[in-house]
């Protein structure tokens, strides 16, 4: 049985693959740059390309991009499971005023109407609070909640979806390949 000749020369396949990798590298760095602007405390994202081997009919290549050793970026890309807090947490609470609630009994209600000048608040001295397997967390709205763990995070995959959107755009890839192959 005679050997089958590849439809496209292997050197041309290699050029196209290298051009696609270069295109993906540029676009991945744009996406990671945008994520780095939103989260300046993250280290710069990296893009690596490793050629795992090839043959004349099936060329395999592996591209890895993202933020290394970054749990926040990993959770954003792949999602994260809920993690319970463990141990104790001590919160230092400064001096503040506590507003007292509405009067509960009938006599308190009557005395409230008679004594309107009486303050319905009290001063609280500086103290500490200890939580066991819980932690106070300030929400974006400014409210405080006491949570028993870090809630699960949904998978958003901004890098994967951005790269997939790029690779599905045939016209953009064709024009970029023309520029890179010249």
N, C-alpha and C. Protein backbone atom coordinates (compact mmCIF):
# COMPACT_ATOMS: atom_id res chain seq x y z
N UNK A 1 0.84 -1.16 0.00
CA UNK A 1 0.00 0.00 0.00
C UNK A 1 0.90 1.24 0.00
N UNK A 2 0.70 2.15 -0.95
CA UNK A 2 1.56 3.33 -1.04
C UNK A 2 1.25 4.33 0.08
N UNK A 3 2.30 5.09 0.45
CA UNK A 3 2.13 6.12 1.49
C UNK A 3 1.25 7.23 0.96
N UNK A 4 0.37 7.72 1.82
CA UNK A 4 -0.49 8.85 1.44
C UNK A 4 0.27 10.15 1.64
N UNK A 5 0.20 11.00 0.69
CA UNK A 5 0.84 12.31 0.78
C UNK A 5 -0.12 13.26 1.50
N UNK A 6 0.40 14.10 2.38
CA UNK A 6 -0.48 15.06 3.05
C UNK A 6 -1.02 16.07 2.04
N UNK A 7 -2.22 16.56 2.30
CA UNK A 7 -2.83 17.55 1.41
C UNK A 7 -2.05 18.85 1.42
N UNK A 8 -1.51 19.21 2.58
CA UNK A 8 -0.73 20.44 2.72
C UNK A 8 0.64 20.06 3.26
N UNK A 9 1.67 20.67 2.69
CA UNK A 9 3.03 20.39 3.10
C UNK A 9 3.19 20.63 4.61
N UNK A 10 4.01 19.83 5.28
CA UNK A 10 4.20 19.92 6.73
C UNK A 10 4.79 21.27 7.11
N UNK A 11 5.67 21.82 6.29
CA UNK A 11 6.26 23.13 6.60
C UNK A 11 5.19 24.23 6.58
N UNK A 12 4.24 24.10 5.67
CA UNK A 12 3.15 25.08 5.61
C UNK A 12 2.23 24.90 6.83
N UNK A 13 1.98 23.64 7.21
CA UNK A 13 1.19 23.38 8.42
C UNK A 13 1.85 24.03 9.64
N UNK A 14 3.18 23.87 9.72
CA UNK A 14 3.92 24.44 10.85
C UNK A 14 3.82 25.97 10.85
N UNK A 15 3.93 26.59 9.66
CA UNK A 15 3.82 28.05 9.56
C UNK A 15 2.44 28.53 10.01
N UNK A 16 1.40 27.83 9.56
CA UNK A 16 0.03 28.21 9.93
C UNK A 16 -0.15 28.05 11.43
N UNK A 17 0.34 26.94 11.98
CA UNK A 17 0.21 26.71 13.42
C UNK A 17 0.93 27.80 14.21
N UNK A 18 2.16 28.13 13.80
CA UNK A 18 2.92 29.18 14.49
C UNK A 18 2.21 30.52 14.40
N UNK A 19 1.62 30.81 13.23
CA UNK A 19 0.90 32.07 13.06
C UNK A 19 -0.35 32.11 13.95
N UNK A 20 -1.06 30.98 14.05
CA UNK A 20 -2.23 30.91 14.93
C UNK A 20 -1.83 31.08 16.39
N UNK A 21 -0.72 30.46 16.78
CA UNK A 21 -0.25 30.59 18.16
C UNK A 21 0.11 32.05 18.44
N UNK A 22 0.77 32.70 17.50
CA UNK A 22 1.13 34.11 17.68
C UNK A 22 -0.11 34.98 17.80
N UNK A 23 -1.12 34.71 16.96
CA UNK A 23 -2.39 35.43 17.01
C UNK A 23 -3.08 35.23 18.36
N UNK A 24 -3.11 33.97 18.82
CA UNK A 24 -3.73 33.67 20.12
C UNK A 24 -2.96 34.35 21.25
N UNK A 25 -1.64 34.39 21.13
CA UNK A 25 -0.82 35.02 22.17
C UNK A 25 -1.16 36.50 22.29
N UNK A 26 -1.25 37.18 21.15
CA UNK A 26 -1.57 38.62 21.16
C UNK A 26 -2.94 38.86 21.78
N UNK A 27 -3.93 38.08 21.37
CA UNK A 27 -5.29 38.27 21.88
C UNK A 27 -5.41 37.89 23.35
N UNK A 28 -4.73 36.81 23.76
CA UNK A 28 -4.77 36.41 25.17
C UNK A 28 -4.14 37.48 26.05
N UNK A 29 -3.06 38.09 25.57
CA UNK A 29 -2.41 39.16 26.35
C UNK A 29 -3.31 40.38 26.45
N UNK A 30 -4.11 40.66 25.41
CA UNK A 30 -5.08 41.77 25.48
C UNK A 30 -6.13 41.49 26.56
N UNK A 31 -6.66 40.27 26.54
CA UNK A 31 -7.70 39.90 27.52
C UNK A 31 -7.12 39.95 28.93
N UNK A 32 -5.91 39.37 29.11
CA UNK A 32 -5.30 39.35 30.44
C UNK A 32 -4.92 40.77 30.90
N UNK A 33 -4.56 41.64 29.94
CA UNK A 33 -4.26 43.02 30.28
C UNK A 33 -5.48 43.74 30.83
N UNK A 34 -6.65 43.48 30.21
CA UNK A 34 -7.90 44.06 30.70
C UNK A 34 -8.25 43.55 32.10
N UNK A 35 -8.00 42.26 32.35
CA UNK A 35 -8.28 41.70 33.67
C UNK A 35 -7.30 42.27 34.70
N UNK A 36 -6.05 42.53 34.26
CA UNK A 36 -5.04 43.07 35.17
C UNK A 36 -5.38 44.52 35.56
N UNK A 37 -5.99 45.27 34.63
CA UNK A 37 -6.41 46.64 34.95
C UNK A 37 -7.51 46.65 36.01
N UNK A 38 -8.44 45.69 35.92
CA UNK A 38 -9.52 45.60 36.91
C UNK A 38 -9.00 45.14 38.27
N UNK A 39 -7.96 44.30 38.26
CA UNK A 39 -7.39 43.76 39.49
C UNK A 39 -5.89 44.03 39.51
N UNK A 40 -5.47 45.26 39.85
CA UNK A 40 -4.05 45.61 39.76
C UNK A 40 -3.16 44.84 40.72
N UNK A 41 -3.73 44.23 41.77
CA UNK A 41 -2.90 43.47 42.72
C UNK A 41 -2.49 42.10 42.16
N UNK A 42 -3.07 41.69 41.02
CA UNK A 42 -2.65 40.45 40.37
C UNK A 42 -1.33 40.67 39.65
N UNK A 43 -0.52 39.63 39.57
CA UNK A 43 0.69 39.71 38.75
C UNK A 43 0.29 39.60 37.29
N UNK A 44 1.15 40.05 36.39
CA UNK A 44 0.85 40.00 34.95
C UNK A 44 0.58 38.56 34.53
N UNK A 45 -0.34 38.39 33.58
CA UNK A 45 -0.67 37.07 33.06
C UNK A 45 0.42 36.56 32.14
N UNK A 46 0.47 35.24 32.01
CA UNK A 46 1.48 34.62 31.15
C UNK A 46 0.83 33.80 30.05
N UNK A 47 1.57 33.63 28.97
CA UNK A 47 1.11 32.81 27.85
C UNK A 47 2.26 31.87 27.51
N UNK A 48 2.00 30.58 27.52
CA UNK A 48 3.03 29.63 27.11
C UNK A 48 2.47 28.74 26.03
N UNK A 49 3.33 28.29 25.15
CA UNK A 49 2.93 27.40 24.08
C UNK A 49 3.89 26.23 24.11
N UNK A 50 3.36 25.03 24.13
CA UNK A 50 4.23 23.87 24.06
C UNK A 50 3.75 22.97 22.94
N UNK A 51 4.67 22.55 22.13
CA UNK A 51 4.33 21.66 21.03
C UNK A 51 4.50 20.24 21.54
N UNK A 52 3.40 19.51 21.69
CA UNK A 52 3.46 18.16 22.26
C UNK A 52 3.83 17.11 21.23
N UNK A 53 4.06 17.52 20.03
CA UNK A 53 4.38 16.54 18.99
C UNK A 53 3.43 16.68 17.83
N UNK A 54 3.84 16.16 16.71
CA UNK A 54 2.98 16.27 15.54
C UNK A 54 3.24 15.11 14.60
N UNK A 55 2.30 14.88 13.74
CA UNK A 55 2.50 13.97 12.63
C UNK A 55 1.88 14.63 11.41
N UNK A 56 2.03 14.03 10.27
CA UNK A 56 1.60 14.72 9.05
C UNK A 56 0.09 14.82 8.89
N UNK A 57 -0.67 14.04 9.62
CA UNK A 57 -2.12 14.11 9.46
C UNK A 57 -2.81 14.82 10.63
N UNK A 58 -2.21 14.76 11.80
CA UNK A 58 -2.86 15.38 12.96
C UNK A 58 -1.79 16.13 13.75
N UNK A 59 -1.88 17.45 13.74
CA UNK A 59 -0.91 18.27 14.45
C UNK A 59 -1.52 18.63 15.80
N UNK A 60 -0.79 18.30 16.87
CA UNK A 60 -1.28 18.58 18.20
C UNK A 60 -0.44 19.69 18.83
N UNK A 61 -1.10 20.62 19.45
CA UNK A 61 -0.40 21.72 20.09
C UNK A 61 -1.16 22.10 21.35
N UNK A 62 -0.43 22.50 22.36
CA UNK A 62 -1.04 22.86 23.63
C UNK A 62 -0.70 24.30 23.95
N UNK A 63 -1.71 25.12 24.22
CA UNK A 63 -1.50 26.51 24.62
C UNK A 63 -2.00 26.67 26.04
N UNK A 64 -1.20 27.32 26.87
CA UNK A 64 -1.60 27.57 28.24
C UNK A 64 -1.44 29.07 28.49
N UNK A 65 -2.50 29.70 29.00
CA UNK A 65 -2.43 31.12 29.31
C UNK A 65 -3.25 31.38 30.54
N UNK A 66 -2.84 32.38 31.28
CA UNK A 66 -3.57 32.73 32.49
C UNK A 66 -2.66 33.31 33.54
N UNK A 67 -3.18 33.40 34.76
CA UNK A 67 -2.45 33.97 35.89
C UNK A 67 -1.99 32.83 36.77
N UNK A 68 -0.68 32.66 36.88
CA UNK A 68 -0.14 31.54 37.66
C UNK A 68 -0.23 31.84 39.15
N UNK A 69 -0.50 30.80 39.93
CA UNK A 69 -0.54 30.88 41.40
C UNK A 69 -1.44 32.01 41.89
N UNK A 70 -2.60 32.14 41.29
CA UNK A 70 -3.54 33.18 41.67
C UNK A 70 -4.91 32.53 41.88
N UNK A 71 -5.30 32.41 43.14
CA UNK A 71 -6.57 31.72 43.45
C UNK A 71 -7.79 32.50 42.94
N UNK A 72 -7.72 33.83 42.99
CA UNK A 72 -8.86 34.64 42.52
C UNK A 72 -9.08 34.43 41.02
N UNK A 73 -7.99 34.48 40.25
CA UNK A 73 -8.11 34.30 38.80
C UNK A 73 -8.54 32.88 38.46
N UNK A 74 -8.03 31.92 39.20
CA UNK A 74 -8.40 30.52 38.99
C UNK A 74 -9.89 30.32 39.27
N UNK A 75 -10.39 30.93 40.35
CA UNK A 75 -11.81 30.82 40.69
C UNK A 75 -12.68 31.52 39.64
N UNK A 76 -12.20 32.64 39.11
CA UNK A 76 -12.94 33.37 38.08
C UNK A 76 -13.03 32.55 36.79
N UNK A 77 -11.93 31.90 36.43
CA UNK A 77 -11.88 31.12 35.19
C UNK A 77 -12.61 29.78 35.32
N UNK A 78 -12.37 29.05 36.42
CA UNK A 78 -12.89 27.68 36.55
C UNK A 78 -13.96 27.52 37.62
N UNK A 79 -14.28 28.57 38.36
CA UNK A 79 -15.23 28.45 39.45
C UNK A 79 -14.55 27.92 40.69
N UNK A 80 -15.21 28.02 41.84
CA UNK A 80 -14.63 27.53 43.09
C UNK A 80 -15.74 26.98 43.97
N UNK A 81 -15.41 25.95 44.73
CA UNK A 81 -16.36 25.36 45.66
C UNK A 81 -16.40 26.19 46.94
N UNK A 82 -17.46 26.03 47.69
CA UNK A 82 -17.59 26.74 48.97
C UNK A 82 -16.55 26.20 49.95
N UNK A 83 -15.96 27.11 50.73
CA UNK A 83 -14.96 26.72 51.72
C UNK A 83 -15.42 27.20 53.09
N UNK A 84 -15.54 26.30 54.06
CA UNK A 84 -15.95 26.74 55.39
C UNK A 84 -14.78 27.39 56.13
N UNK A 85 -15.09 28.37 57.00
CA UNK A 85 -14.07 28.96 57.85
C UNK A 85 -13.78 28.00 58.99
N UNK A 86 -12.55 27.98 59.45
CA UNK A 86 -12.23 27.14 60.60
C UNK A 86 -11.42 27.97 61.59
N UNK A 87 -11.53 27.64 62.87
CA UNK A 87 -10.81 28.37 63.90
C UNK A 87 -11.62 29.54 64.42
N UNK A 88 -10.95 30.37 65.21
CA UNK A 88 -11.63 31.53 65.78
C UNK A 88 -11.14 32.80 65.11
N UNK A 89 -12.00 33.80 65.10
CA UNK A 89 -11.66 35.10 64.54
C UNK A 89 -12.04 36.15 65.58
N UNK A 90 -11.08 37.02 65.93
CA UNK A 90 -11.33 38.07 66.91
C UNK A 90 -11.43 39.40 66.19
N UNK A 91 -12.52 40.09 66.44
CA UNK A 91 -12.77 41.39 65.82
C UNK A 91 -12.65 42.47 66.89
N UNK A 92 -11.85 43.50 66.60
CA UNK A 92 -11.75 44.65 67.50
C UNK A 92 -12.85 45.64 67.12
N UNK A 93 -13.71 45.95 68.10
CA UNK A 93 -14.82 46.87 67.86
C UNK A 93 -14.53 48.15 68.63
N UNK A 94 -14.53 49.27 67.94
CA UNK A 94 -14.28 50.57 68.58
C UNK A 94 -15.49 51.07 69.34
N UNK A 95 -15.31 52.19 70.03
CA UNK A 95 -16.40 52.81 70.76
C UNK A 95 -17.44 53.34 69.77
N UNK A 96 -18.71 53.11 70.07
CA UNK A 96 -19.77 53.54 69.16
C UNK A 96 -21.09 53.69 69.92
N UNK A 97 -22.08 54.24 69.24
CA UNK A 97 -23.41 54.38 69.84
C UNK A 97 -24.33 53.32 69.26
N UNK A 98 -25.11 52.72 70.12
CA UNK A 98 -26.07 51.70 69.68
C UNK A 98 -27.46 52.28 69.81
N UNK A 99 -28.19 52.26 68.72
CA UNK A 99 -29.57 52.73 68.73
C UNK A 99 -30.44 51.64 69.34
N UNK A 100 -31.26 52.04 70.31
CA UNK A 100 -32.16 51.07 70.93
C UNK A 100 -33.41 50.96 70.08
N UNK A 101 -34.00 49.78 70.09
CA UNK A 101 -35.18 49.54 69.27
C UNK A 101 -36.42 50.20 69.83
N UNK A 102 -37.53 49.93 69.18
CA UNK A 102 -38.80 50.49 69.62
C UNK A 102 -39.20 49.85 70.95
N UNK A 103 -39.95 50.58 71.79
CA UNK A 103 -40.41 50.01 73.06
C UNK A 103 -41.33 48.81 72.78
N UNK A 104 -41.22 47.78 73.64
CA UNK A 104 -41.96 46.55 73.37
C UNK A 104 -43.25 46.42 74.21
N UNK A 105 -43.21 46.91 75.44
CA UNK A 105 -44.40 46.75 76.29
C UNK A 105 -45.27 48.01 76.25
N UNK A 106 -46.48 47.88 76.75
CA UNK A 106 -47.42 49.00 76.73
C UNK A 106 -46.94 50.14 77.62
N UNK A 107 -46.37 49.79 78.78
CA UNK A 107 -45.89 50.84 79.69
C UNK A 107 -44.69 51.57 79.08
N UNK A 108 -43.84 50.85 78.35
CA UNK A 108 -42.71 51.51 77.69
C UNK A 108 -43.22 52.45 76.61
N UNK A 109 -44.27 52.04 75.90
CA UNK A 109 -44.83 52.89 74.85
C UNK A 109 -45.42 54.17 75.43
N UNK A 110 -46.12 54.02 76.57
CA UNK A 110 -46.71 55.19 77.22
C UNK A 110 -45.61 56.11 77.72
N UNK A 111 -44.59 55.54 78.37
CA UNK A 111 -43.50 56.36 78.89
C UNK A 111 -42.74 57.04 77.75
N UNK A 112 -42.69 56.40 76.62
CA UNK A 112 -42.00 57.00 75.47
C UNK A 112 -42.74 58.25 74.99
N UNK A 113 -44.08 58.15 74.96
CA UNK A 113 -44.85 59.32 74.51
C UNK A 113 -44.76 60.44 75.54
N UNK A 114 -44.66 60.09 76.82
CA UNK A 114 -44.56 61.11 77.85
C UNK A 114 -43.16 61.72 77.90
N UNK A 115 -42.15 60.91 77.70
CA UNK A 115 -40.76 61.37 77.80
C UNK A 115 -40.10 61.34 76.42
N UNK A 116 -40.45 62.22 75.56
CA UNK A 116 -39.87 62.26 74.22
C UNK A 116 -38.42 62.72 74.22
N UNK A 117 -38.01 63.45 75.27
CA UNK A 117 -36.66 63.97 75.32
C UNK A 117 -35.64 62.88 75.65
N UNK A 118 -36.09 61.76 76.17
CA UNK A 118 -35.17 60.68 76.54
C UNK A 118 -34.55 60.06 75.28
N UNK A 119 -33.24 59.90 75.29
CA UNK A 119 -32.53 59.32 74.14
C UNK A 119 -32.80 57.83 74.05
N UNK A 120 -32.96 57.36 72.85
CA UNK A 120 -33.17 55.93 72.63
C UNK A 120 -31.88 55.31 72.09
N UNK A 121 -30.74 55.71 72.64
CA UNK A 121 -29.46 55.13 72.25
C UNK A 121 -28.57 55.06 73.48
N UNK A 122 -27.54 54.25 73.38
CA UNK A 122 -26.59 54.09 74.47
C UNK A 122 -25.18 54.04 73.89
N UNK A 123 -24.18 54.45 74.68
CA UNK A 123 -22.79 54.37 74.21
C UNK A 123 -22.21 53.03 74.60
N UNK A 124 -21.45 52.49 73.69
CA UNK A 124 -20.81 51.20 73.92
C UNK A 124 -19.31 51.42 73.89
N UNK A 125 -18.60 50.92 74.92
CA UNK A 125 -17.15 51.10 75.00
C UNK A 125 -16.44 50.17 74.03
N UNK A 126 -15.16 50.45 73.84
CA UNK A 126 -14.31 49.63 72.97
C UNK A 126 -14.24 48.21 73.54
N UNK A 127 -14.39 47.20 72.66
CA UNK A 127 -14.35 45.81 73.11
C UNK A 127 -13.95 44.90 71.95
N UNK A 128 -13.87 43.62 72.20
CA UNK A 128 -13.57 42.63 71.14
C UNK A 128 -14.72 41.64 71.06
N UNK A 129 -14.86 41.08 69.88
CA UNK A 129 -15.85 40.02 69.64
C UNK A 129 -15.12 38.82 69.11
N UNK A 130 -15.46 37.64 69.56
CA UNK A 130 -14.81 36.43 69.08
C UNK A 130 -15.85 35.56 68.40
N UNK A 131 -15.51 35.13 67.18
CA UNK A 131 -16.39 34.27 66.39
C UNK A 131 -15.72 32.91 66.23
N UNK A 132 -16.48 31.84 66.39
CA UNK A 132 -15.94 30.50 66.21
C UNK A 132 -16.48 29.94 64.89
N UNK A 133 -15.58 29.61 63.98
CA UNK A 133 -15.91 29.07 62.65
C UNK A 133 -16.81 30.02 61.85
N UNK A 134 -16.70 31.32 62.11
CA UNK A 134 -17.45 32.34 61.39
C UNK A 134 -16.56 33.58 61.23
N UNK A 135 -16.97 34.47 60.35
CA UNK A 135 -16.19 35.69 60.12
C UNK A 135 -17.13 36.80 59.65
N UNK A 136 -16.96 38.02 60.20
CA UNK A 136 -17.76 39.14 59.69
C UNK A 136 -17.19 39.63 58.36
N UNK A 137 -18.07 39.87 57.39
CA UNK A 137 -17.66 40.30 56.05
C UNK A 137 -18.48 41.51 55.65
N UNK A 138 -17.80 42.55 55.13
CA UNK A 138 -18.51 43.74 54.67
C UNK A 138 -18.86 43.54 53.20
N UNK A 139 -20.14 43.67 52.87
CA UNK A 139 -20.62 43.52 51.51
C UNK A 139 -20.38 44.79 50.71
N UNK A 140 -20.52 44.69 49.40
CA UNK A 140 -20.32 45.85 48.52
C UNK A 140 -21.33 46.95 48.82
N UNK A 141 -22.49 46.57 49.33
CA UNK A 141 -23.53 47.56 49.66
C UNK A 141 -23.24 48.31 50.95
N UNK A 142 -22.21 47.88 51.69
CA UNK A 142 -21.85 48.52 52.95
C UNK A 142 -22.39 47.79 54.17
N UNK A 143 -23.21 46.79 53.96
CA UNK A 143 -23.77 46.02 55.07
C UNK A 143 -22.74 45.00 55.57
N UNK A 144 -22.87 44.63 56.84
CA UNK A 144 -22.02 43.59 57.42
C UNK A 144 -22.83 42.31 57.58
N UNK A 145 -22.24 41.20 57.24
CA UNK A 145 -22.87 39.88 57.42
C UNK A 145 -21.86 38.96 58.10
N UNK A 146 -22.34 38.06 58.90
CA UNK A 146 -21.48 37.07 59.53
C UNK A 146 -21.66 35.77 58.76
N UNK A 147 -20.57 35.33 58.10
CA UNK A 147 -20.63 34.15 57.24
C UNK A 147 -19.91 32.98 57.89
N UNK A 148 -20.41 31.78 57.63
CA UNK A 148 -19.75 30.59 58.14
C UNK A 148 -18.75 30.02 57.14
N UNK A 149 -18.66 30.61 55.96
CA UNK A 149 -17.70 30.13 54.96
C UNK A 149 -17.70 31.03 53.74
N UNK A 150 -16.71 30.79 52.88
CA UNK A 150 -16.64 31.52 51.61
C UNK A 150 -17.61 30.84 50.66
N UNK A 151 -18.58 31.57 50.10
CA UNK A 151 -19.55 30.92 49.21
C UNK A 151 -18.92 30.44 47.91
N UNK A 152 -19.56 29.50 47.27
CA UNK A 152 -19.08 28.98 45.99
C UNK A 152 -19.14 30.09 44.94
N UNK A 153 -18.20 30.03 43.99
CA UNK A 153 -18.16 31.04 42.94
C UNK A 153 -18.46 30.37 41.61
N UNK A 154 -19.31 31.01 40.84
CA UNK A 154 -19.70 30.47 39.53
C UNK A 154 -18.58 30.66 38.52
N UNK A 155 -18.46 29.72 37.62
CA UNK A 155 -17.44 29.77 36.57
C UNK A 155 -17.81 30.82 35.54
N UNK A 156 -16.90 31.80 35.32
CA UNK A 156 -17.14 32.83 34.32
C UNK A 156 -16.29 32.61 33.07
N UNK A 157 -15.09 32.09 33.23
CA UNK A 157 -14.17 31.75 32.14
C UNK A 157 -13.96 32.88 31.13
N UNK A 158 -13.51 34.07 31.56
CA UNK A 158 -13.31 35.16 30.60
C UNK A 158 -12.22 34.87 29.58
N UNK A 159 -11.15 34.18 29.98
CA UNK A 159 -10.08 33.87 29.03
C UNK A 159 -10.54 32.85 27.99
N UNK A 160 -11.18 31.79 28.46
CA UNK A 160 -11.63 30.73 27.55
C UNK A 160 -12.68 31.26 26.57
N UNK A 161 -13.66 32.01 27.08
CA UNK A 161 -14.71 32.50 26.19
C UNK A 161 -14.16 33.53 25.21
N UNK A 162 -13.22 34.37 25.67
CA UNK A 162 -12.61 35.35 24.78
C UNK A 162 -11.83 34.70 23.66
N UNK A 163 -11.06 33.66 24.00
CA UNK A 163 -10.27 32.95 22.98
C UNK A 163 -11.18 32.16 22.04
N UNK A 164 -12.23 31.55 22.57
CA UNK A 164 -13.17 30.80 21.74
C UNK A 164 -13.86 31.73 20.75
N UNK A 165 -14.28 32.91 21.22
CA UNK A 165 -14.92 33.88 20.35
C UNK A 165 -13.97 34.30 19.22
N UNK A 166 -12.70 34.48 19.57
CA UNK A 166 -11.69 34.85 18.57
C UNK A 166 -11.51 33.75 17.53
N UNK A 167 -11.38 32.50 18.00
CA UNK A 167 -11.11 31.40 17.08
C UNK A 167 -12.33 31.02 16.22
N UNK A 168 -13.52 31.44 16.62
CA UNK A 168 -14.71 31.17 15.82
C UNK A 168 -14.92 32.20 14.71
N UNK A 169 -14.22 33.34 14.80
CA UNK A 169 -14.37 34.41 13.83
C UNK A 169 -13.45 34.13 12.63
N UNK A 170 -14.00 33.48 11.58
CA UNK A 170 -13.21 33.05 10.42
C UNK A 170 -12.56 34.21 9.67
N UNK A 171 -13.30 35.27 9.47
CA UNK A 171 -12.76 36.40 8.70
C UNK A 171 -11.57 37.04 9.41
N UNK A 172 -11.69 37.21 10.72
CA UNK A 172 -10.61 37.81 11.48
C UNK A 172 -9.36 36.92 11.43
N UNK A 173 -9.54 35.62 11.58
CA UNK A 173 -8.40 34.69 11.53
C UNK A 173 -7.76 34.70 10.15
N UNK A 174 -8.59 34.70 9.10
CA UNK A 174 -8.05 34.70 7.73
C UNK A 174 -7.22 35.96 7.47
N UNK A 175 -7.74 37.12 7.87
CA UNK A 175 -6.98 38.37 7.63
C UNK A 175 -5.71 38.41 8.47
N UNK A 176 -5.78 37.94 9.71
CA UNK A 176 -4.59 37.93 10.57
C UNK A 176 -3.55 36.94 10.06
N UNK A 177 -4.00 35.79 9.56
CA UNK A 177 -3.06 34.80 9.01
C UNK A 177 -2.37 35.34 7.75
N UNK A 178 -3.12 36.05 6.92
CA UNK A 178 -2.50 36.66 5.73
C UNK A 178 -1.36 37.59 6.11
N UNK A 179 -1.62 38.42 7.15
CA UNK A 179 -0.59 39.35 7.60
C UNK A 179 0.61 38.62 8.20
N UNK A 180 0.35 37.59 8.98
CA UNK A 180 1.45 36.90 9.66
C UNK A 180 2.24 35.98 8.75
N UNK A 181 1.62 35.45 7.71
CA UNK A 181 2.30 34.50 6.82
C UNK A 181 3.12 35.19 5.74
N UNK A 182 2.96 36.47 5.55
CA UNK A 182 3.73 37.17 4.53
C UNK A 182 5.14 37.40 4.95
